[in-house]
């Protein structure tokens, strides 16, 4: 039952991820177009409305993917409690158990034979296989568990007080230069702080819009 549910959630993740990626691609395209219009000292109210609508739809799609990730996270835990093995987890991720053991190393598995499936899948991106090996998680790679769990993790980091605090402290401790140089914090007209990456993209709000954790 748990395995069948995970297989279904894997497919739901593919659908939600594709929807999110397509919408964010439209958002980026419209933002570039609106920037050119603004640079030409022109106004296009309908275009501005379109950007806001696309941003809203993209946020909703990302939230949907995060929800799938949360369900995958919980189901992996239940599946493990029901007796699933590390080999079962690797099979779900279409990976060779021996190769995964080699990649993780003995310290990760031998010292923690009961390591959480959800943590293994989230931290080590078990179903992510990129032959180009760029060092980054590319959205174009078919890795439904990784993409959904990543969305769930980011949603928790950005939209819960505990998640924001933990993420901020970890980033400051481990990547001080990235925190200082690669991202900036901008406060909008409503007093909400946003994390902006080096390309000017809004990564997410650091403050809840409603004043409470979502």
Protein backbone atom coordinates (compact mmCIF):
# COMPACT_ATOMS: atom_id res chain seq x y z
CA UNK A 1 0.00 0.00 0.00
CA UNK A 2 2.76 2.46 0.99
CA UNK A 3 4.84 1.59 -2.07
CA UNK A 4 1.85 2.01 -4.39
CA UNK A 5 1.16 5.40 -2.82
CA UNK A 6 4.78 6.46 -3.29
CA UNK A 7 4.68 5.44 -6.96
CA UNK A 8 1.51 7.52 -7.39
CA UNK A 9 3.08 10.49 -5.57
CA UNK A 10 6.15 10.19 -7.79
CA UNK A 11 3.95 10.72 -10.84
CA UNK A 12 2.07 13.58 -9.14
CA UNK A 13 5.43 15.22 -8.50
CA UNK A 14 6.34 15.01 -12.19
CA UNK A 15 3.08 16.72 -13.15
CA UNK A 16 3.35 19.42 -10.46
CA UNK A 17 7.03 20.07 -11.21
CA UNK A 18 6.40 20.49 -14.94
CA UNK A 19 3.51 22.86 -14.25
CA UNK A 20 5.64 24.93 -11.88
CA UNK A 21 8.59 25.09 -14.27
CA UNK A 22 6.41 26.15 -17.21
CA UNK A 23 4.79 28.92 -15.18
CA UNK A 24 8.09 30.24 -13.82
CA UNK A 25 9.46 30.23 -17.36
CA UNK A 26 6.51 32.41 -18.41
CA UNK A 27 7.10 34.69 -15.44
CA UNK A 28 10.74 35.22 -16.38
CA UNK A 29 9.81 35.89 -19.98
CA UNK A 30 7.16 38.45 -19.05
CA UNK A 31 9.51 40.14 -16.57
CA UNK A 32 12.13 40.54 -19.29
CA UNK A 33 9.54 41.93 -21.69
CA UNK A 34 8.19 44.37 -19.09
CA UNK A 35 11.73 45.50 -18.27
CA UNK A 36 12.32 46.39 -21.91
CA UNK A 37 9.03 48.29 -22.05
CA UNK A 38 9.97 50.20 -18.90
CA UNK A 39 13.41 51.03 -20.30
CA UNK A 40 11.68 52.46 -23.37
CA UNK A 41 9.74 54.81 -21.05
CA UNK A 42 6.48 53.10 -21.96
CA UNK A 43 3.64 51.74 -19.85
CA UNK A 44 1.72 48.51 -20.36
CA UNK A 45 -0.82 48.03 -17.52
CA UNK A 46 -2.18 44.79 -18.98
CA UNK A 47 1.34 43.40 -19.05
CA UNK A 48 1.85 44.28 -15.40
CA UNK A 49 -1.42 42.55 -14.55
CA UNK A 50 -0.29 39.51 -16.51
CA UNK A 51 2.98 39.34 -14.57
CA UNK A 52 1.14 39.45 -11.25
CA UNK A 53 -1.28 36.74 -12.37
CA UNK A 54 1.54 34.51 -13.57
CA UNK A 55 3.48 35.05 -10.35
CA UNK A 56 0.42 34.09 -8.33
CA UNK A 57 -0.15 30.97 -10.43
CA UNK A 58 3.54 30.02 -10.22
CA UNK A 59 3.55 30.44 -6.44
CA UNK A 60 0.47 28.23 -6.20
CA UNK A 61 2.08 25.59 -8.42
CA UNK A 62 5.24 25.63 -6.31
CA UNK A 63 3.12 25.26 -3.19
CA UNK A 64 1.38 22.29 -4.79
CA UNK A 65 4.75 20.66 -5.49
CA UNK A 66 5.82 21.32 -1.89
CA UNK A 67 2.63 19.64 -0.66
CA UNK A 68 3.46 16.57 -2.74
CA UNK A 69 6.94 16.66 -1.21
CA UNK A 70 5.46 16.72 2.28
CA UNK A 71 3.33 13.68 1.46
CA UNK A 72 6.35 11.86 0.03
CA UNK A 73 8.32 12.71 3.17
CA UNK A 74 5.63 11.25 5.42
CA UNK A 75 4.99 8.19 3.25
CA UNK A 76 8.70 7.32 3.13
CA UNK A 77 8.70 7.27 6.92
CA UNK A 78 5.60 5.04 7.05
CA UNK A 79 7.02 2.73 4.39
CA UNK A 80 10.21 2.32 6.40
CA UNK A 81 8.25 1.59 9.59
CA UNK A 82 6.30 -1.05 7.65
CA UNK A 83 9.56 -2.91 6.97
CA UNK A 84 10.91 -1.51 3.70
CA UNK A 85 14.67 -1.92 3.34
CA UNK A 86 17.44 0.29 2.02
CA UNK A 87 17.44 -1.86 -1.12
CA UNK A 88 13.71 -1.17 -1.53
CA UNK A 89 14.39 2.56 -1.30
CA UNK A 90 17.09 2.33 -3.96
CA UNK A 91 14.75 0.37 -6.23
CA UNK A 92 12.10 3.07 -5.83
CA UNK A 93 14.70 5.61 -6.89
CA UNK A 94 15.85 3.42 -9.81
CA UNK A 95 19.32 3.15 -8.32
CA UNK A 96 21.71 0.26 -7.78
CA UNK A 97 21.98 -0.28 -3.99
CA UNK A 98 25.67 -1.19 -4.22
CA UNK A 99 26.45 2.01 -6.12
CA UNK A 100 24.48 4.12 -3.67
CA UNK A 101 26.27 2.52 -0.72
CA UNK A 102 29.57 3.34 -2.39
CA UNK A 103 28.53 6.97 -2.94
CA UNK A 104 27.26 7.45 0.60
CA UNK A 105 30.19 5.68 2.24
CA UNK A 106 30.28 3.42 5.30
CA UNK A 107 30.04 6.27 7.80
CA UNK A 108 26.58 7.21 6.55
CA UNK A 109 25.04 3.74 6.47
CA UNK A 110 27.06 1.42 8.73
CA UNK A 111 27.00 3.88 11.61
CA UNK A 112 23.28 4.52 11.04
CA UNK A 113 21.65 1.31 9.75
CA UNK A 114 18.24 2.75 10.63
CA UNK A 115 18.84 6.05 8.84
CA UNK A 116 15.60 7.78 7.93
CA UNK A 117 14.46 7.11 4.36
CA UNK A 118 13.09 10.63 4.04
CA UNK A 119 16.36 12.17 5.18
CA UNK A 120 18.43 9.94 2.90
CA UNK A 121 16.23 10.83 -0.08
CA UNK A 122 16.17 14.54 0.75
CA UNK A 123 19.81 15.08 1.69
CA UNK A 124 21.43 12.78 -0.88
CA UNK A 125 18.94 13.24 -3.76
CA UNK A 126 18.79 9.50 -4.34
CA UNK A 127 16.70 9.57 -7.52
CA UNK A 128 18.68 12.42 -9.10
CA UNK A 129 20.90 11.16 -11.92
CA UNK A 130 22.53 13.76 -14.14
CA UNK A 131 25.12 12.42 -16.60
CA UNK A 132 26.50 15.94 -17.04
CA UNK A 133 27.21 16.17 -13.29
CA UNK A 134 27.21 19.97 -13.13
CA UNK A 135 27.25 20.02 -9.34
CA UNK A 136 23.83 21.67 -9.23
CA UNK A 137 20.32 20.22 -9.10
CA UNK A 138 18.94 20.94 -12.56
CA UNK A 139 15.18 21.20 -12.91
CA UNK A 140 15.28 19.53 -16.33
CA UNK A 141 16.50 16.23 -14.86
CA UNK A 142 13.76 13.67 -14.17
CA UNK A 143 14.03 13.28 -10.39
CA UNK A 144 10.49 13.53 -8.97
CA UNK A 145 11.35 12.62 -5.39
CA UNK A 146 14.24 15.09 -5.28
CA UNK A 147 12.29 17.97 -6.81
CA UNK A 148 9.25 17.49 -4.55
CA UNK A 149 11.31 17.06 -1.37
CA UNK A 150 13.42 20.10 -2.30
CA UNK A 151 10.24 22.16 -2.78
CA UNK A 152 8.95 20.97 0.60
CA UNK A 153 12.24 21.85 2.29
CA UNK A 154 12.34 25.33 0.72
CA UNK A 155 8.70 25.96 1.63
CA UNK A 156 9.46 25.06 5.23
CA UNK A 157 12.57 27.25 5.26
CA UNK A 158 10.79 30.27 3.81
CA UNK A 159 7.32 30.09 5.33
CA UNK A 160 7.69 28.82 8.88
CA UNK A 161 9.39 30.65 11.72
CA UNK A 162 11.38 27.59 12.81
CA UNK A 163 12.43 26.85 9.24
CA UNK A 164 13.54 30.42 8.55
CA UNK A 165 15.55 30.59 11.75
CA UNK A 166 17.27 27.25 11.19
CA UNK A 167 18.04 28.03 7.54
CA UNK A 168 19.42 31.48 8.32
CA UNK A 169 21.67 30.21 11.11
CA UNK A 170 22.94 27.32 8.97
CA UNK A 171 23.67 29.52 5.97
CA UNK A 172 25.49 32.10 8.08
CA UNK A 173 27.60 29.41 9.74
CA UNK A 174 28.43 27.34 6.64
CA UNK A 175 28.22 29.80 3.73
CA UNK A 176 28.93 33.28 5.10
CA UNK A 177 30.27 34.55 1.76
CA UNK A 178 27.21 33.34 -0.13
CA UNK A 179 24.91 34.99 2.38
CA UNK A 180 26.86 38.23 2.11
CA UNK A 181 27.48 38.38 -1.64
CA UNK A 182 25.06 36.17 -3.58
CA UNK A 183 21.75 37.17 -2.04
CA UNK A 184 20.22 40.38 -0.79
CA UNK A 185 17.18 41.20 1.29
CA UNK A 186 14.70 43.74 -0.08
CA UNK A 187 11.68 45.12 1.81
CA UNK A 188 8.58 45.72 -0.30
CA UNK A 189 5.89 48.40 0.12
CA UNK A 190 4.02 46.19 2.58
CA UNK A 191 7.04 45.88 4.85
CA UNK A 192 7.67 42.24 3.87
CA UNK A 193 11.30 41.24 3.38
CA UNK A 194 12.18 39.24 0.25
CA UNK A 195 15.29 37.21 -0.51
CA UNK A 196 16.63 38.24 -3.94
CA UNK A 197 19.25 36.22 -5.81
CA UNK A 198 22.12 37.59 -7.87
CA UNK A 199 19.93 37.64 -11.00
CA UNK A 200 17.25 39.76 -9.34
CA UNK A 201 14.81 36.89 -8.92
CA UNK A 202 12.56 36.84 -5.87
CA UNK A 203 13.44 33.59 -4.07
CA UNK A 204 10.76 34.00 -1.41
CA UNK A 205 9.43 36.07 1.45
CA UNK A 206 11.32 36.02 4.74
CA UNK A 207 8.25 37.36 6.57
CA UNK A 208 4.78 35.86 6.51
CA UNK A 209 2.28 37.98 4.63
CA UNK A 210 -0.43 37.21 7.13
CA UNK A 211 1.71 37.51 10.23
CA UNK A 212 1.38 33.80 11.03
CA UNK A 213 3.14 30.66 9.94
CA UNK A 214 1.51 28.95 7.00
